[in-house]
Amino acid sequence: MCGKTHEDDGTPTRLIGDHVVERRDGGADLDPTNIQLLCSREGGNGRAHEDGKVGGCHARKTARARNERMARRWG
């Protein structure tokens, strides 16, 4: 999401294979179009998010999906 390739200390970014639509929300396990690579830690050399922070894309996406799921459940 942010295009990050390196951490603050210069090491390569650790990427996580993430389901675009989470499995618990009906996303397909093995569909290649439902997979994306997201960085795992904040910091580094990517583009800033709306809050000005860089990185942490996997945690951000997971939190957003969880909040949307809860809103559907209780909304």
Protein backbone atom coordinates (compact mmCIF):
# COMPACT_ATOMS: atom_id res chain seq x y z
CA MET A 1 0.00 0.00 0.00
CA CYS A 2 2.75 2.46 0.91
CA GLY A 3 5.44 1.13 -1.43
CA LYS A 4 7.92 0.64 1.41
CA THR A 5 11.08 -1.31 0.51
CA HIS A 6 13.39 -0.64 3.50
CA GLU A 7 13.09 -0.17 7.25
CA ASP A 8 14.55 2.82 9.11
CA ASP A 9 17.75 0.84 9.74
CA GLY A 10 18.15 0.05 6.01
CA THR A 11 17.14 -3.61 6.19
CA PRO A 12 14.69 -4.90 3.58
CA THR A 13 11.02 -4.63 4.47
CA ARG A 14 9.28 -7.76 5.71
CA LEU A 15 6.14 -8.33 3.65
CA ILE A 16 3.10 -10.37 4.64
CA GLY A 17 0.84 -12.18 2.18
CA ASP A 18 -2.61 -10.83 3.03
CA HIS A 19 -6.10 -11.70 1.79
CA VAL A 20 -7.72 -8.63 0.19
CA VAL A 21 -11.09 -9.89 1.44
CA GLU A 22 -10.37 -11.72 4.67
CA ARG A 23 -11.30 -15.38 4.77
CA ARG A 24 -13.69 -14.84 7.67
CA ASP A 25 -15.47 -12.27 5.51
CA GLY A 26 -15.89 -14.69 2.61
CA GLY A 27 -12.56 -14.20 0.81
CA ALA A 28 -11.18 -17.13 -1.16
CA ASP A 29 -8.21 -18.95 0.39
CA LEU A 30 -6.30 -19.74 -2.79
CA ASP A 31 -7.53 -17.16 -5.29
CA PRO A 32 -4.45 -15.24 -6.51
CA THR A 33 -6.59 -12.14 -7.10
CA ASN A 34 -7.42 -12.15 -3.37
CA ILE A 35 -3.78 -11.89 -2.25
CA GLN A 36 -1.68 -8.77 -1.73
CA LEU A 37 1.69 -8.11 -0.10
CA LEU A 38 1.67 -5.61 2.76
CA CYS A 39 4.50 -4.30 4.93
CA SER A 40 4.44 -5.39 8.55
CA ARG A 41 6.19 -2.61 10.53
CA GLU A 42 5.83 1.16 10.78
CA GLY A 43 8.67 3.39 9.64
CA GLY A 44 10.94 3.10 6.65
CA ASN A 45 10.88 4.68 3.23
CA GLY A 46 7.30 4.29 1.96
CA ARG A 47 4.63 6.89 1.24
CA ALA A 48 2.95 8.40 4.27
CA HIS A 49 -0.60 7.45 5.20
CA GLU A 50 -3.30 10.01 6.05
CA ASP A 51 -2.00 10.25 9.63
CA GLY A 52 1.51 11.04 8.37
CA LYS A 53 2.97 7.69 9.46
CA VAL A 54 4.71 5.31 7.06
CA GLY A 55 4.37 1.54 6.98
CA GLY A 56 2.36 -0.79 9.17
CA CYS A 57 0.04 -1.51 6.23
CA HIS A 58 -0.89 -5.04 7.34
CA ALA A 59 -1.95 -3.93 10.82
CA ARG A 60 -3.88 -0.98 9.37
CA LYS A 61 -5.74 -3.13 6.86
CA THR A 62 -6.54 -5.81 9.45
CA ALA A 63 -7.86 -3.21 11.93
CA ARG A 64 -9.98 -1.57 9.22
CA ALA A 65 -11.48 -4.94 8.19
CA ARG A 66 -12.20 -5.79 11.85
CA ASN A 67 -13.91 -2.42 12.41
CA GLU A 68 -16.03 -2.85 9.28
CA ARG A 69 -16.99 -6.37 10.37
CA MET A 70 -18.04 -5.12 13.81
CA ALA A 71 -20.02 -2.25 12.28
CA ARG A 72 -21.94 -4.74 10.10
CA ARG A 73 -22.56 -6.97 13.09
CA TRP A 74 -23.68 -4.27 15.52
CA GLY A 75 -24.51 -1.45 13.12
